[in-house]
Amino acid sequence: MALWDDLGGDAVMGPLLRDFYARVAESPIARLFPSDLEQTFVRQFAFQSEFWGGPARYTPLRGHPRLRARHLPFPIRVEDAEEWLSCMRAAVAASGMIADQREQFIERMRQIAMAMVNTY
């Protein structure tokens, strides 16, 4: 079974990421995102699906993730990555994700968030 399924698959991750972006829109990092977050949600959902071994949605949509390169145009500070992660933690806590999976998920998101930092 893929980790995607262990995390709850589409049924958990779709609502979780909707909640996450609602939190981002109200946070200090909203300035880093477009005002309409629908495409951002679509891309993040596709990325998460493929990243965790679910359906290959991101590669057909955008090609190789190239996460660092895609984020370089935006000045991302450690504080921004921490705020992003705070929004993600809150969305995970409010989600239907199985408790046993949450820490692993958050740790991987922390690693990715910190890898996007490009302004010190």
C-alpha atoms as a PDB file:
ATOM      1  CA  MET A   1       0.000   0.000   0.000  1.00  0.00           C
ATOM      2  CA  ALA A   2       1.290   3.461  -0.875  1.00  0.00           C
ATOM      3  CA  LEU A   3       1.981   6.033   1.810  1.00  0.00           C
ATOM      4  CA  TRP A   4      -0.635   8.169   0.035  1.00  0.00           C
ATOM      5  CA  ASP A   5      -3.257   5.647   1.112  1.00  0.00           C
ATOM      6  CA  ASP A   6      -1.808   5.486   4.634  1.00  0.00           C
ATOM      7  CA  LEU A   7      -2.192   9.279   4.879  1.00  0.00           C
ATOM      8  CA  GLY A   8      -5.836   8.998   3.877  1.00  0.00           C
ATOM      9  CA  GLY A   9      -5.514   9.503   0.131  1.00  0.00           C
ATOM     10  CA  ASP A  10      -7.746  11.911  -1.749  1.00  0.00           C
ATOM     11  CA  ALA A  11     -10.449  11.830   0.929  1.00  0.00           C
ATOM     12  CA  VAL A  12      -8.127  13.265   3.590  1.00  0.00           C
ATOM     13  CA  MET A  13      -5.592  15.227   1.581  1.00  0.00           C
ATOM     14  CA  GLY A  14      -8.076  17.213  -0.508  1.00  0.00           C
ATOM     15  CA  PRO A  15      -9.852  18.770   2.493  1.00  0.00           C
ATOM     16  CA  LEU A  16      -6.573  19.065   4.418  1.00  0.00           C
ATOM     17  CA  LEU A  17      -4.968  21.108   1.634  1.00  0.00           C
ATOM     18  CA  ARG A  18      -8.101  23.256   1.183  1.00  0.00           C
ATOM     19  CA  ASP A  19      -7.922  24.058   4.902  1.00  0.00           C
ATOM     20  CA  PHE A  20      -4.183  24.661   4.642  1.00  0.00           C
ATOM     21  CA  TYR A  21      -4.600  27.252   1.884  1.00  0.00           C
ATOM     22  CA  ALA A  22      -7.447  28.955   3.753  1.00  0.00           C
ATOM     23  CA  ARG A  23      -4.982  29.351   6.626  1.00  0.00           C
ATOM     24  CA  VAL A  24      -2.214  30.560   4.305  1.00  0.00           C
ATOM     25  CA  ALA A  25      -4.556  33.187   2.842  1.00  0.00           C
ATOM     26  CA  GLU A  26      -5.042  34.638   6.332  1.00  0.00           C
ATOM     27  CA  SER A  27      -1.390  34.406   7.360  1.00  0.00           C
ATOM     28  CA  PRO A  28       1.595  36.750   7.027  1.00  0.00           C
ATOM     29  CA  ILE A  29       2.906  34.633   4.136  1.00  0.00           C
ATOM     30  CA  ALA A  30      -0.149  35.310   1.976  1.00  0.00           C
ATOM     31  CA  ARG A  31       2.011  37.927   0.230  1.00  0.00           C
ATOM     32  CA  LEU A  32       4.082  35.097  -1.262  1.00  0.00           C
ATOM     33  CA  PHE A  33       1.060  33.548  -2.985  1.00  0.00           C
ATOM     34  CA  PRO A  34      -1.343  34.615  -5.722  1.00  0.00           C
ATOM     35  CA  SER A  35      -4.624  36.090  -4.503  1.00  0.00           C
ATOM     36  CA  ASP A  36      -6.522  33.212  -6.112  1.00  0.00           C
ATOM     37  CA  LEU A  37      -5.104  30.061  -4.557  1.00  0.00           C
ATOM     38  CA  GLU A  38      -7.052  27.551  -6.674  1.00  0.00           C
ATOM     39  CA  GLN A  39      -4.166  26.740  -9.046  1.00  0.00           C
ATOM     40  CA  THR A  40      -1.788  26.618  -6.097  1.00  0.00           C
ATOM     41  CA  PHE A  41      -4.095  24.094  -4.415  1.00  0.00           C
ATOM     42  CA  VAL A  42      -4.305  22.011  -7.613  1.00  0.00           C
ATOM     43  CA  ARG A  43      -0.519  21.920  -7.926  1.00  0.00           C
ATOM     44  CA  GLN A  44       0.038  21.130  -4.247  1.00  0.00           C
ATOM     45  CA  PHE A  45      -2.557  18.349  -4.307  1.00  0.00           C
ATOM     46  CA  ALA A  46      -0.945  16.882  -7.424  1.00  0.00           C
ATOM     47  CA  PHE A  47       2.512  17.165  -5.861  1.00  0.00           C
ATOM     48  CA  GLN A  48       1.465  15.563  -2.569  1.00  0.00           C
ATOM     49  CA  SER A  49      -0.263  12.720  -4.401  1.00  0.00           C
ATOM     50  CA  GLU A  50       2.793  11.821  -6.433  1.00  0.00           C
ATOM     51  CA  PHE A  51       5.294  12.556  -3.636  1.00  0.00           C
ATOM     52  CA  TRP A  52       3.617  10.070  -1.297  1.00  0.00           C
ATOM     53  CA  GLY A  53       3.228   7.330  -3.915  1.00  0.00           C
ATOM     54  CA  GLY A  54      -0.337   8.037  -4.974  1.00  0.00           C
ATOM     55  CA  PRO A  55      -1.553   8.738  -8.487  1.00  0.00           C
ATOM     56  CA  ALA A  56       1.023  10.450 -10.721  1.00  0.00           C
ATOM     57  CA  ARG A  57      -0.711  13.802 -11.006  1.00  0.00           C
ATOM     58  CA  TYR A  58       2.110  16.322 -10.791  1.00  0.00           C
ATOM     59  CA  THR A  59       4.473  15.137 -13.524  1.00  0.00           C
ATOM     60  CA  PRO A  60       1.789  15.162 -16.253  1.00  0.00           C
ATOM     61  CA  LEU A  61       0.679  18.605 -15.059  1.00  0.00           C
ATOM     62  CA  ARG A  62       4.031  20.356 -14.507  1.00  0.00           C
ATOM     63  CA  GLY A  63       6.903  17.991 -15.311  1.00  0.00           C
ATOM     64  CA  HIS A  64       9.673  17.407 -12.794  1.00  0.00           C
ATOM     65  CA  PRO A  65       8.862  19.171  -9.502  1.00  0.00           C
ATOM     66  CA  ARG A  66      12.112  21.225  -9.420  1.00  0.00           C
ATOM     67  CA  LEU A  67      10.837  22.601  -6.116  1.00  0.00           C
ATOM     68  CA  ARG A  68      13.849  24.719  -5.258  1.00  0.00           C
ATOM     69  CA  ALA A  69      14.037  26.253  -8.755  1.00  0.00           C
ATOM     70  CA  ARG A  70      10.295  26.979  -8.822  1.00  0.00           C
ATOM     71  CA  HIS A  71      10.535  28.789  -5.484  1.00  0.00           C
ATOM     72  CA  LEU A  72      13.701  30.812  -6.174  1.00  0.00           C
ATOM     73  CA  PRO A  73      11.847  33.822  -7.640  1.00  0.00           C
ATOM     74  CA  PHE A  74      10.157  34.344  -4.260  1.00  0.00           C
ATOM     75  CA  PRO A  75      12.157  35.612  -1.275  1.00  0.00           C
ATOM     76  CA  ILE A  76      11.512  32.940   1.349  1.00  0.00           C
ATOM     77  CA  ARG A  77      12.939  33.465   4.835  1.00  0.00           C
ATOM     78  CA  VAL A  78      13.192  30.939   7.653  1.00  0.00           C
ATOM     79  CA  GLU A  79      10.272  32.753   9.310  1.00  0.00           C
ATOM     80  CA  ASP A  80       8.194  32.273   6.142  1.00  0.00           C
ATOM     81  CA  ALA A  81       8.962  28.551   6.042  1.00  0.00           C
ATOM     82  CA  GLU A  82       8.047  28.295   9.724  1.00  0.00           C
ATOM     83  CA  GLU A  83       4.746  30.107   9.108  1.00  0.00           C
ATOM     84  CA  TRP A  84       4.008  27.822   6.141  1.00  0.00           C
ATOM     85  CA  LEU A  85       4.694  24.852   8.384  1.00  0.00           C
ATOM     86  CA  SER A  86       2.506  26.305  11.142  1.00  0.00           C
ATOM     87  CA  CYS A  87      -0.393  26.527   8.688  1.00  0.00           C
ATOM     88  CA  MET A  88       0.279  22.947   7.608  1.00  0.00           C
ATOM     89  CA  ARG A  89       0.467  21.687  11.200  1.00  0.00           C
ATOM     90  CA  ALA A  90      -2.868  23.321  12.018  1.00  0.00           C
ATOM     91  CA  ALA A  91      -4.505  21.878   8.907  1.00  0.00           C
ATOM     92  CA  VAL A  92      -3.133  18.413   9.704  1.00  0.00           C
ATOM     93  CA  ALA A  93      -4.373  18.685  13.306  1.00  0.00           C
ATOM     94  CA  ALA A  94      -7.865  19.553  12.054  1.00  0.00           C
ATOM     95  CA  SER A  95      -7.835  16.847   9.379  1.00  0.00           C
ATOM     96  CA  GLY A  96      -8.955  13.263   9.249  1.00  0.00           C
ATOM     97  CA  MET A  97      -5.374  12.043   8.887  1.00  0.00           C
ATOM     98  CA  ILE A  98      -4.681   9.077  11.131  1.00  0.00           C
ATOM     99  CA  ALA A  99      -2.767  10.265  14.175  1.00  0.00           C
ATOM    100  CA  ASP A 100       0.028   7.722  13.630  1.00  0.00           C
ATOM    101  CA  GLN A 101       0.801   9.257  10.230  1.00  0.00           C
ATOM    102  CA  ARG A 102       0.860  12.914  11.233  1.00  0.00           C
ATOM    103  CA  GLU A 103       4.379  13.176  12.622  1.00  0.00           C
ATOM    104  CA  GLN A 104       5.961  11.549   9.554  1.00  0.00           C
ATOM    105  CA  PHE A 105       3.975  13.815   7.256  1.00  0.00           C
ATOM    106  CA  ILE A 106       4.856  16.991   9.177  1.00  0.00           C
ATOM    107  CA  GLU A 107       8.538  16.067   9.372  1.00  0.00           C
ATOM    108  CA  ARG A 108       8.756  15.636   5.591  1.00  0.00           C
ATOM    109  CA  MET A 109       6.903  18.928   5.090  1.00  0.00           C
ATOM    110  CA  ARG A 110       9.354  20.608   7.495  1.00  0.00           C
ATOM    111  CA  GLN A 111      12.282  19.327   5.471  1.00  0.00           C
ATOM    112  CA  ILE A 112      10.752  20.603   2.237  1.00  0.00           C
ATOM    113  CA  ALA A 113       9.762  23.970   3.725  1.00  0.00           C
ATOM    114  CA  MET A 114      13.255  24.590   5.053  1.00  0.00           C
ATOM    115  CA  ALA A 115      14.801  23.572   1.727  1.00  0.00           C
ATOM    116  CA  MET A 116      12.836  26.407   0.067  1.00  0.00           C
ATOM    117  CA  VAL A 117      14.473  29.085   2.224  1.00  0.00           C
ATOM    118  CA  ASN A 118      16.508  31.339  -0.059  1.00  0.00           C
ATOM    119  CA  THR A 119      16.731  34.657   1.802  1.00  0.00           C
ATOM    120  CA  TYR A 120      18.698  35.105   5.014  1.00  0.00           C
END
